[in-house]
N, C-alpha and C. Protein backbone atom coordinates (compact mmCIF):
# COMPACT_ATOMS: atom_id res chain seq x y z
N MET A 1 -13.86 -15.66 26.16
CA MET A 1 -12.98 -14.95 27.06
C MET A 1 -12.99 -13.47 26.66
N SER A 2 -13.13 -12.58 27.67
CA SER A 2 -13.16 -11.15 27.39
C SER A 2 -11.76 -10.63 27.05
N THR A 3 -11.73 -9.46 26.44
CA THR A 3 -10.47 -8.84 26.10
C THR A 3 -9.65 -8.56 27.35
N LEU A 4 -10.30 -8.09 28.41
CA LEU A 4 -9.58 -7.81 29.66
C LEU A 4 -8.98 -9.07 30.25
N GLU A 5 -9.69 -10.19 30.18
CA GLU A 5 -9.15 -11.45 30.68
C GLU A 5 -7.94 -11.87 29.86
N GLU A 6 -8.05 -11.70 28.53
CA GLU A 6 -6.93 -12.05 27.66
C GLU A 6 -5.71 -11.20 27.97
N ILE A 7 -5.93 -9.90 28.16
CA ILE A 7 -4.82 -8.99 28.47
C ILE A 7 -4.19 -9.36 29.80
N SER A 8 -5.00 -9.73 30.79
CA SER A 8 -4.44 -10.07 32.10
C SER A 8 -3.62 -11.36 32.06
N GLU A 9 -3.88 -12.23 31.07
CA GLU A 9 -3.13 -13.48 30.94
C GLU A 9 -1.81 -13.32 30.18
N ILE A 10 -1.61 -12.19 29.53
CA ILE A 10 -0.41 -11.99 28.70
C ILE A 10 0.88 -12.22 29.48
N PRO A 11 1.06 -11.60 30.66
CA PRO A 11 2.35 -11.81 31.35
C PRO A 11 2.66 -13.28 31.61
N GLU A 12 1.67 -14.05 32.07
CA GLU A 12 1.93 -15.46 32.37
C GLU A 12 2.11 -16.26 31.09
N LYS A 13 1.35 -15.93 30.08
CA LYS A 13 1.39 -16.66 28.81
C LYS A 13 2.78 -16.59 28.18
N TYR A 14 3.44 -15.44 28.28
CA TYR A 14 4.72 -15.24 27.62
C TYR A 14 5.92 -15.29 28.55
N ARG A 15 5.72 -15.57 29.83
CA ARG A 15 6.81 -15.54 30.80
C ARG A 15 7.98 -16.45 30.41
N LYS A 16 7.68 -17.70 30.03
CA LYS A 16 8.78 -18.63 29.69
C LYS A 16 9.55 -18.17 28.46
N HIS A 17 8.84 -17.58 27.50
CA HIS A 17 9.51 -17.07 26.30
C HIS A 17 10.36 -15.85 26.67
N LYS A 18 9.80 -14.98 27.49
CA LYS A 18 10.53 -13.78 27.92
C LYS A 18 11.80 -14.16 28.67
N ASP A 19 11.69 -15.14 29.55
CA ASP A 19 12.86 -15.57 30.32
C ASP A 19 13.96 -16.13 29.40
N ALA A 20 13.56 -16.92 28.41
CA ALA A 20 14.53 -17.49 27.47
C ALA A 20 15.19 -16.39 26.64
N LEU A 21 14.40 -15.42 26.21
CA LEU A 21 14.95 -14.32 25.41
C LEU A 21 15.86 -13.44 26.26
N THR A 22 15.49 -13.21 27.51
CA THR A 22 16.34 -12.44 28.41
C THR A 22 17.69 -13.11 28.60
N LEU A 23 17.68 -14.43 28.77
CA LEU A 23 18.94 -15.16 28.90
C LEU A 23 19.80 -15.03 27.64
N MET A 24 19.16 -15.12 26.49
CA MET A 24 19.90 -14.98 25.23
C MET A 24 20.51 -13.58 25.14
N PHE A 25 19.73 -12.55 25.49
CA PHE A 25 20.24 -11.19 25.45
C PHE A 25 21.44 -11.02 26.40
N LYS A 26 21.35 -11.61 27.58
CA LYS A 26 22.47 -11.51 28.53
C LYS A 26 23.70 -12.23 28.01
N GLU A 27 23.49 -13.41 27.42
CA GLU A 27 24.61 -14.20 26.89
C GLU A 27 25.36 -13.43 25.81
N TYR A 28 24.64 -12.70 24.98
CA TYR A 28 25.26 -11.99 23.87
C TYR A 28 25.44 -10.49 24.15
N ASP A 29 25.17 -10.08 25.38
CA ASP A 29 25.35 -8.69 25.80
C ASP A 29 24.52 -7.73 24.94
N VAL A 30 23.25 -8.07 24.76
CA VAL A 30 22.31 -7.20 24.05
C VAL A 30 21.50 -6.47 25.12
N ALA A 31 21.64 -5.14 25.17
CA ALA A 31 20.96 -4.37 26.21
C ALA A 31 19.91 -3.41 25.66
N SER A 32 19.81 -3.31 24.34
CA SER A 32 18.85 -2.39 23.74
C SER A 32 18.56 -2.83 22.31
N ILE A 33 17.55 -2.21 21.76
CA ILE A 33 17.23 -2.50 20.35
C ILE A 33 18.39 -2.05 19.47
N LYS A 34 19.02 -0.95 19.88
CA LYS A 34 20.16 -0.43 19.12
C LYS A 34 21.30 -1.44 19.06
N SER A 35 21.50 -2.21 20.12
CA SER A 35 22.57 -3.22 20.09
C SER A 35 22.09 -4.56 19.52
N LEU A 36 20.77 -4.76 19.47
CA LEU A 36 20.20 -6.00 18.92
C LEU A 36 20.45 -6.11 17.42
N ILE A 37 20.24 -5.03 16.70
CA ILE A 37 20.34 -5.07 15.24
C ILE A 37 21.74 -5.43 14.75
N PRO A 38 22.81 -4.76 15.24
CA PRO A 38 24.14 -5.17 14.78
C PRO A 38 24.51 -6.58 15.22
N MET A 39 24.03 -7.00 16.39
CA MET A 39 24.31 -8.35 16.86
C MET A 39 23.71 -9.36 15.88
N TYR A 40 22.48 -9.11 15.45
CA TYR A 40 21.81 -10.00 14.51
C TYR A 40 22.55 -10.03 13.16
N ARG A 41 22.94 -8.87 12.70
CA ARG A 41 23.60 -8.78 11.39
C ARG A 41 25.02 -9.37 11.38
N ASN A 42 25.73 -9.25 12.48
CA ASN A 42 27.15 -9.57 12.47
C ASN A 42 27.56 -10.83 13.21
N ASN A 43 26.66 -11.45 13.95
CA ASN A 43 27.02 -12.62 14.75
C ASN A 43 26.20 -13.83 14.29
N PRO A 44 26.80 -14.73 13.50
CA PRO A 44 26.05 -15.87 12.96
C PRO A 44 25.47 -16.78 14.04
N SER A 45 26.16 -16.96 15.17
CA SER A 45 25.62 -17.84 16.20
C SER A 45 24.40 -17.20 16.87
N PHE A 46 24.45 -15.88 17.08
CA PHE A 46 23.28 -15.18 17.62
C PHE A 46 22.12 -15.27 16.64
N LYS A 47 22.42 -15.04 15.37
CA LYS A 47 21.39 -15.07 14.33
C LYS A 47 20.69 -16.44 14.30
N ALA A 48 21.46 -17.52 14.39
CA ALA A 48 20.89 -18.87 14.38
C ALA A 48 20.04 -19.10 15.63
N GLU A 49 20.55 -18.68 16.78
CA GLU A 49 19.79 -18.85 18.02
C GLU A 49 18.52 -18.00 18.02
N TRP A 50 18.62 -16.79 17.48
CA TRP A 50 17.48 -15.87 17.37
C TRP A 50 16.37 -16.50 16.51
N LYS A 51 16.75 -17.01 15.36
CA LYS A 51 15.77 -17.64 14.47
C LYS A 51 15.14 -18.86 15.14
N GLY A 52 15.96 -19.67 15.78
CA GLY A 52 15.46 -20.85 16.48
C GLY A 52 14.49 -20.48 17.59
N PHE A 53 14.80 -19.41 18.31
CA PHE A 53 13.91 -18.94 19.38
C PHE A 53 12.53 -18.61 18.83
N TRP A 54 12.48 -17.83 17.74
CA TRP A 54 11.19 -17.39 17.20
C TRP A 54 10.43 -18.55 16.55
N ILE A 55 11.13 -19.50 15.98
CA ILE A 55 10.47 -20.69 15.43
C ILE A 55 9.84 -21.48 16.57
N ASN A 56 10.55 -21.61 17.68
CA ASN A 56 10.04 -22.32 18.85
C ASN A 56 8.81 -21.61 19.42
N VAL A 57 8.87 -20.27 19.53
CA VAL A 57 7.73 -19.51 20.04
C VAL A 57 6.52 -19.73 19.13
N SER A 58 6.76 -19.66 17.84
CA SER A 58 5.69 -19.85 16.87
C SER A 58 5.03 -21.22 17.02
N LYS A 59 5.85 -22.26 17.15
CA LYS A 59 5.31 -23.61 17.31
C LYS A 59 4.48 -23.72 18.58
N GLN A 60 4.98 -23.13 19.67
CA GLN A 60 4.27 -23.22 20.93
C GLN A 60 3.00 -22.38 20.95
N GLU A 61 2.93 -21.39 20.09
CA GLU A 61 1.75 -20.53 20.02
C GLU A 61 0.81 -20.95 18.89
N GLY A 62 0.94 -22.17 18.43
CA GLY A 62 0.03 -22.70 17.42
C GLY A 62 0.40 -22.30 16.00
N GLY A 63 1.67 -22.03 15.75
CA GLY A 63 2.12 -21.71 14.40
C GLY A 63 1.90 -20.26 14.02
N LYS A 64 1.53 -19.43 14.99
CA LYS A 64 1.21 -18.04 14.69
C LYS A 64 2.12 -17.12 15.51
N LEU A 65 2.68 -16.13 14.86
CA LEU A 65 3.52 -15.16 15.53
C LEU A 65 3.14 -13.77 15.04
N SER A 66 2.58 -12.96 15.93
CA SER A 66 2.13 -11.63 15.53
C SER A 66 3.16 -10.57 15.89
N LEU A 67 3.02 -9.40 15.31
CA LEU A 67 3.89 -8.28 15.67
C LEU A 67 3.70 -7.90 17.13
N THR A 68 2.49 -8.09 17.63
CA THR A 68 2.22 -7.79 19.04
C THR A 68 3.05 -8.71 19.93
N THR A 69 3.03 -10.01 19.63
CA THR A 69 3.81 -10.98 20.41
C THR A 69 5.29 -10.64 20.33
N PHE A 70 5.75 -10.36 19.14
CA PHE A 70 7.14 -9.99 18.91
C PHE A 70 7.52 -8.78 19.76
N GLY A 71 6.70 -7.75 19.72
CA GLY A 71 6.96 -6.52 20.47
C GLY A 71 6.93 -6.73 21.97
N ILE A 72 5.94 -7.49 22.43
CA ILE A 72 5.82 -7.74 23.87
C ILE A 72 7.04 -8.49 24.38
N LEU A 73 7.46 -9.52 23.69
CA LEU A 73 8.58 -10.33 24.16
C LEU A 73 9.90 -9.56 24.14
N ILE A 74 10.16 -8.84 23.06
CA ILE A 74 11.40 -8.06 23.00
C ILE A 74 11.37 -6.96 24.06
N GLY A 75 10.25 -6.27 24.16
CA GLY A 75 10.13 -5.20 25.14
C GLY A 75 10.27 -5.69 26.57
N ALA A 76 9.62 -6.79 26.89
CA ALA A 76 9.69 -7.33 28.25
C ALA A 76 11.11 -7.80 28.56
N SER A 77 11.80 -8.30 27.57
CA SER A 77 13.15 -8.81 27.78
C SER A 77 14.18 -7.69 27.93
N LEU A 78 13.91 -6.55 27.30
CA LEU A 78 14.87 -5.45 27.35
C LEU A 78 14.58 -4.44 28.47
N GLY A 79 13.39 -4.47 29.05
CA GLY A 79 13.09 -3.60 30.19
C GLY A 79 12.23 -2.42 29.85
N GLY A 80 12.65 -1.21 30.26
CA GLY A 80 11.82 -0.02 30.14
C GLY A 80 12.42 1.02 29.22
N VAL A 81 11.64 2.07 29.00
CA VAL A 81 12.06 3.14 28.12
C VAL A 81 11.44 4.44 28.62
N GLY A 82 12.14 5.57 28.45
CA GLY A 82 11.57 6.87 28.78
C GLY A 82 10.83 7.40 27.57
N VAL A 83 9.61 7.87 27.79
CA VAL A 83 8.81 8.39 26.68
C VAL A 83 8.53 9.86 26.96
N ALA A 84 8.89 10.72 26.01
CA ALA A 84 8.63 12.15 26.16
C ALA A 84 7.14 12.39 25.93
N ALA A 85 6.52 13.09 26.88
CA ALA A 85 5.10 13.39 26.75
C ALA A 85 4.82 14.76 27.34
N MET A 86 4.29 15.65 26.58
CA MET A 86 3.87 16.98 27.00
C MET A 86 4.97 17.70 27.79
N GLY A 87 6.17 17.73 27.27
CA GLY A 87 7.25 18.47 27.88
C GLY A 87 8.00 17.73 28.97
N GLY A 88 7.59 16.54 29.32
CA GLY A 88 8.28 15.77 30.35
C GLY A 88 8.55 14.37 29.83
N ALA A 89 9.17 13.57 30.65
CA ALA A 89 9.43 12.18 30.26
C ALA A 89 8.83 11.27 31.32
N ILE A 90 8.21 10.20 30.87
CA ILE A 90 7.65 9.23 31.81
C ILE A 90 8.26 7.88 31.48
N GLY A 91 8.45 7.08 32.50
CA GLY A 91 8.98 5.73 32.28
C GLY A 91 7.85 4.79 31.91
N MET A 92 8.05 4.02 30.88
CA MET A 92 7.04 3.05 30.46
C MET A 92 7.72 1.73 30.18
N PRO A 93 7.03 0.65 30.48
CA PRO A 93 7.61 -0.65 30.11
C PRO A 93 7.76 -0.74 28.60
N LEU A 94 8.91 -1.15 28.15
CA LEU A 94 9.16 -1.28 26.71
C LEU A 94 8.21 -2.31 26.10
N ALA A 95 7.82 -3.30 26.89
CA ALA A 95 6.86 -4.30 26.39
C ALA A 95 5.55 -3.64 26.00
N PHE A 96 5.12 -2.66 26.79
CA PHE A 96 3.88 -1.94 26.49
C PHE A 96 4.03 -1.14 25.20
N VAL A 97 5.14 -0.41 25.10
CA VAL A 97 5.37 0.43 23.93
C VAL A 97 5.48 -0.42 22.67
N LEU A 98 6.34 -1.45 22.70
CA LEU A 98 6.52 -2.30 21.51
C LEU A 98 5.30 -3.18 21.25
N GLY A 99 4.66 -3.65 22.32
CA GLY A 99 3.46 -4.49 22.14
C GLY A 99 2.34 -3.70 21.50
N LEU A 100 2.12 -2.48 21.98
CA LEU A 100 1.09 -1.63 21.41
C LEU A 100 1.44 -1.25 19.98
N GLY A 101 2.73 -0.93 19.76
CA GLY A 101 3.18 -0.62 18.40
C GLY A 101 2.99 -1.81 17.47
N GLY A 102 3.30 -3.01 17.97
CA GLY A 102 3.10 -4.22 17.18
C GLY A 102 1.63 -4.47 16.88
N PHE A 103 0.79 -4.20 17.87
CA PHE A 103 -0.65 -4.39 17.68
C PHE A 103 -1.18 -3.48 16.58
N PHE A 104 -0.85 -2.18 16.68
CA PHE A 104 -1.33 -1.23 15.67
C PHE A 104 -0.67 -1.47 14.32
N GLY A 105 0.63 -1.78 14.33
CA GLY A 105 1.33 -2.08 13.08
C GLY A 105 0.74 -3.31 12.40
N GLY A 106 0.52 -4.36 13.18
CA GLY A 106 -0.07 -5.59 12.64
C GLY A 106 -1.47 -5.37 12.11
N SER A 107 -2.25 -4.57 12.84
CA SER A 107 -3.61 -4.27 12.38
C SER A 107 -3.59 -3.51 11.06
N THR A 108 -2.65 -2.57 10.94
CA THR A 108 -2.52 -1.80 9.71
C THR A 108 -2.11 -2.69 8.55
N ILE A 109 -1.13 -3.54 8.79
CA ILE A 109 -0.68 -4.46 7.73
C ILE A 109 -1.81 -5.38 7.31
N ASP A 110 -2.56 -5.91 8.29
CA ASP A 110 -3.69 -6.79 7.96
C ASP A 110 -4.78 -6.05 7.20
N SER A 111 -5.13 -4.84 7.66
CA SER A 111 -6.22 -4.12 7.01
C SER A 111 -5.87 -3.68 5.59
N ARG A 112 -4.59 -3.41 5.36
CA ARG A 112 -4.17 -3.00 4.01
C ARG A 112 -3.77 -4.18 3.15
N ARG A 113 -3.78 -5.37 3.73
CA ARG A 113 -3.53 -6.63 3.03
C ARG A 113 -2.18 -6.62 2.31
N PHE A 114 -1.15 -6.05 2.96
CA PHE A 114 0.18 -5.99 2.36
C PHE A 114 0.74 -7.38 2.07
N LEU A 115 0.44 -8.34 2.92
CA LEU A 115 1.01 -9.67 2.78
C LEU A 115 0.06 -10.65 2.10
N SER A 116 -1.06 -10.17 1.66
CA SER A 116 -2.06 -11.02 1.00
C SER A 116 -1.70 -11.24 -0.47
N ALA A 117 -2.11 -12.38 -0.98
CA ALA A 117 -1.89 -12.66 -2.41
C ALA A 117 -2.79 -11.76 -3.26
N ASP A 118 -3.96 -11.40 -2.72
CA ASP A 118 -4.88 -10.50 -3.40
C ASP A 118 -4.62 -9.08 -2.93
N LYS A 119 -4.46 -8.16 -3.86
CA LYS A 119 -4.21 -6.76 -3.52
C LYS A 119 -5.46 -5.96 -3.77
N LYS A 120 -5.63 -4.91 -2.98
CA LYS A 120 -6.79 -4.05 -3.11
C LYS A 120 -6.49 -2.95 -4.12
N LEU A 121 -7.43 -2.67 -4.98
CA LEU A 121 -7.29 -1.64 -6.00
C LEU A 121 -8.46 -0.69 -5.85
N SER A 122 -8.18 0.59 -5.87
CA SER A 122 -9.23 1.58 -5.74
C SER A 122 -9.15 2.53 -6.92
N THR A 123 -10.32 2.83 -7.50
CA THR A 123 -10.36 3.76 -8.61
C THR A 123 -11.72 4.44 -8.65
N ARG A 124 -11.82 5.47 -9.43
CA ARG A 124 -13.09 6.18 -9.59
C ARG A 124 -13.54 6.03 -11.05
N VAL A 125 -14.84 5.81 -11.22
CA VAL A 125 -15.42 5.72 -12.56
C VAL A 125 -16.66 6.60 -12.60
N SER A 126 -17.12 6.91 -13.79
CA SER A 126 -18.32 7.74 -13.91
C SER A 126 -19.53 6.99 -13.37
N GLU A 127 -20.55 7.73 -13.06
CA GLU A 127 -21.77 7.11 -12.52
C GLU A 127 -22.40 6.15 -13.53
N SER A 128 -22.39 6.52 -14.80
CA SER A 128 -22.98 5.65 -15.82
C SER A 128 -22.19 4.35 -15.95
N CYS A 129 -20.87 4.44 -15.89
CA CYS A 129 -20.02 3.24 -15.95
C CYS A 129 -20.31 2.34 -14.75
N TYR A 130 -20.41 2.95 -13.56
CA TYR A 130 -20.68 2.16 -12.36
C TYR A 130 -22.04 1.47 -12.45
N LYS A 131 -23.04 2.20 -12.94
CA LYS A 131 -24.39 1.60 -13.07
C LYS A 131 -24.36 0.40 -14.00
N THR A 132 -23.59 0.50 -15.10
CA THR A 132 -23.47 -0.61 -16.05
C THR A 132 -22.81 -1.81 -15.37
N ILE A 133 -21.71 -1.56 -14.66
CA ILE A 133 -21.01 -2.64 -13.95
C ILE A 133 -21.92 -3.26 -12.89
N GLU A 134 -22.63 -2.41 -12.16
CA GLU A 134 -23.53 -2.87 -11.11
C GLU A 134 -24.64 -3.74 -11.69
N SER A 135 -25.17 -3.33 -12.83
CA SER A 135 -26.25 -4.09 -13.49
C SER A 135 -25.75 -5.45 -13.98
N LYS A 136 -24.57 -5.48 -14.59
CA LYS A 136 -23.99 -6.76 -15.07
C LYS A 136 -23.70 -7.69 -13.89
N ALA A 137 -23.19 -7.14 -12.81
CA ALA A 137 -22.91 -7.96 -11.62
C ALA A 137 -24.21 -8.54 -11.06
N ALA A 138 -25.26 -7.74 -11.04
CA ALA A 138 -26.56 -8.21 -10.54
C ALA A 138 -27.10 -9.33 -11.43
N GLU A 139 -26.93 -9.20 -12.75
CA GLU A 139 -27.37 -10.26 -13.68
C GLU A 139 -26.66 -11.59 -13.37
N LEU A 140 -25.39 -11.50 -13.01
CA LEU A 140 -24.60 -12.70 -12.71
C LEU A 140 -24.75 -13.14 -11.25
N ASP A 141 -25.49 -12.36 -10.47
CA ASP A 141 -25.71 -12.62 -9.05
C ASP A 141 -24.39 -12.70 -8.26
N ILE A 142 -23.51 -11.72 -8.56
CA ILE A 142 -22.25 -11.59 -7.82
C ILE A 142 -22.07 -10.13 -7.41
N SER A 143 -21.13 -9.88 -6.53
CA SER A 143 -20.90 -8.50 -6.09
C SER A 143 -20.18 -7.72 -7.19
N VAL A 144 -20.26 -6.40 -7.08
CA VAL A 144 -19.58 -5.52 -8.02
C VAL A 144 -18.07 -5.80 -7.97
N SER A 145 -17.53 -5.98 -6.77
CA SER A 145 -16.10 -6.25 -6.63
C SER A 145 -15.69 -7.53 -7.35
N GLU A 146 -16.51 -8.57 -7.18
CA GLU A 146 -16.20 -9.84 -7.85
C GLU A 146 -16.25 -9.68 -9.37
N TYR A 147 -17.24 -8.93 -9.86
CA TYR A 147 -17.39 -8.73 -11.30
C TYR A 147 -16.19 -7.97 -11.87
N VAL A 148 -15.79 -6.89 -11.20
CA VAL A 148 -14.65 -6.10 -11.66
C VAL A 148 -13.39 -6.95 -11.63
N LYS A 149 -13.23 -7.76 -10.62
CA LYS A 149 -12.05 -8.63 -10.52
C LYS A 149 -12.02 -9.60 -11.71
N ILE A 150 -13.15 -10.18 -12.04
CA ILE A 150 -13.24 -11.10 -13.18
C ILE A 150 -12.87 -10.37 -14.48
N LEU A 151 -13.41 -9.17 -14.66
CA LEU A 151 -13.09 -8.38 -15.86
C LEU A 151 -11.60 -8.08 -15.97
N LEU A 152 -11.01 -7.63 -14.86
CA LEU A 152 -9.59 -7.27 -14.89
C LEU A 152 -8.69 -8.50 -15.11
N GLU A 153 -9.01 -9.59 -14.45
CA GLU A 153 -8.20 -10.79 -14.63
C GLU A 153 -8.32 -11.34 -16.04
N ALA A 154 -9.53 -11.26 -16.62
CA ALA A 154 -9.71 -11.73 -18.00
C ALA A 154 -8.92 -10.85 -18.97
N GLU A 155 -8.90 -9.56 -18.70
CA GLU A 155 -8.17 -8.65 -19.58
C GLU A 155 -6.66 -8.86 -19.48
N THR A 156 -6.15 -9.14 -18.30
CA THR A 156 -4.72 -9.30 -18.14
C THR A 156 -4.23 -10.65 -18.64
N GLU A 157 -5.13 -11.61 -18.80
CA GLU A 157 -4.75 -12.93 -19.31
C GLU A 157 -4.69 -12.98 -20.83
N LYS A 158 -5.14 -11.92 -21.50
CA LYS A 158 -5.13 -11.88 -22.96
C LYS A 158 -3.74 -11.80 -23.50
C-alpha cells in the first residue's frame, strides 16, 4: 500500500475512536488541550475513562499506539486551531497540526532511541586508536560498534 493510500485511509480508520473521544470530551466539558490537562489531573473518573479509551485504541490497533495516532485523535476530537504564518493567521485542523507534530516527535524519539534499552554513545578517538579497534574488530569478524560495546560492557562489569 502506498503512503498516499495509507494517508487517505486515516479518517475512516480512526473515525470510531474520534467519535468516542469527542463524546468523552463533551461529557466532561473538555474544549481544548488547555482544559484537557487539568481535567486529567483533577478528575479521577475522567482519568480512568481516558486511560481505558487509550488501552482500547491500542488493542484495536494491534497493541501499538504512536504519537501520530495520539495527535490525530485528540486533534480531530477538539477541532481546529489558528496558526500564525508570515504575519497572518490561517485555520488548520488540529488533527493535522497534532498528527504531524506526533509524527515528527515520534520519529525523533525513535531515531534517538530514548525509549530503547540500548543507548547510543558518541565519542572521538585518535586515528591510531580507531585503527587498533578496527583491526581487533576485523579479527573477531564483528563490527567496530559491536567490539566497542563488548569492551565497555566488560569494563563496567569489573
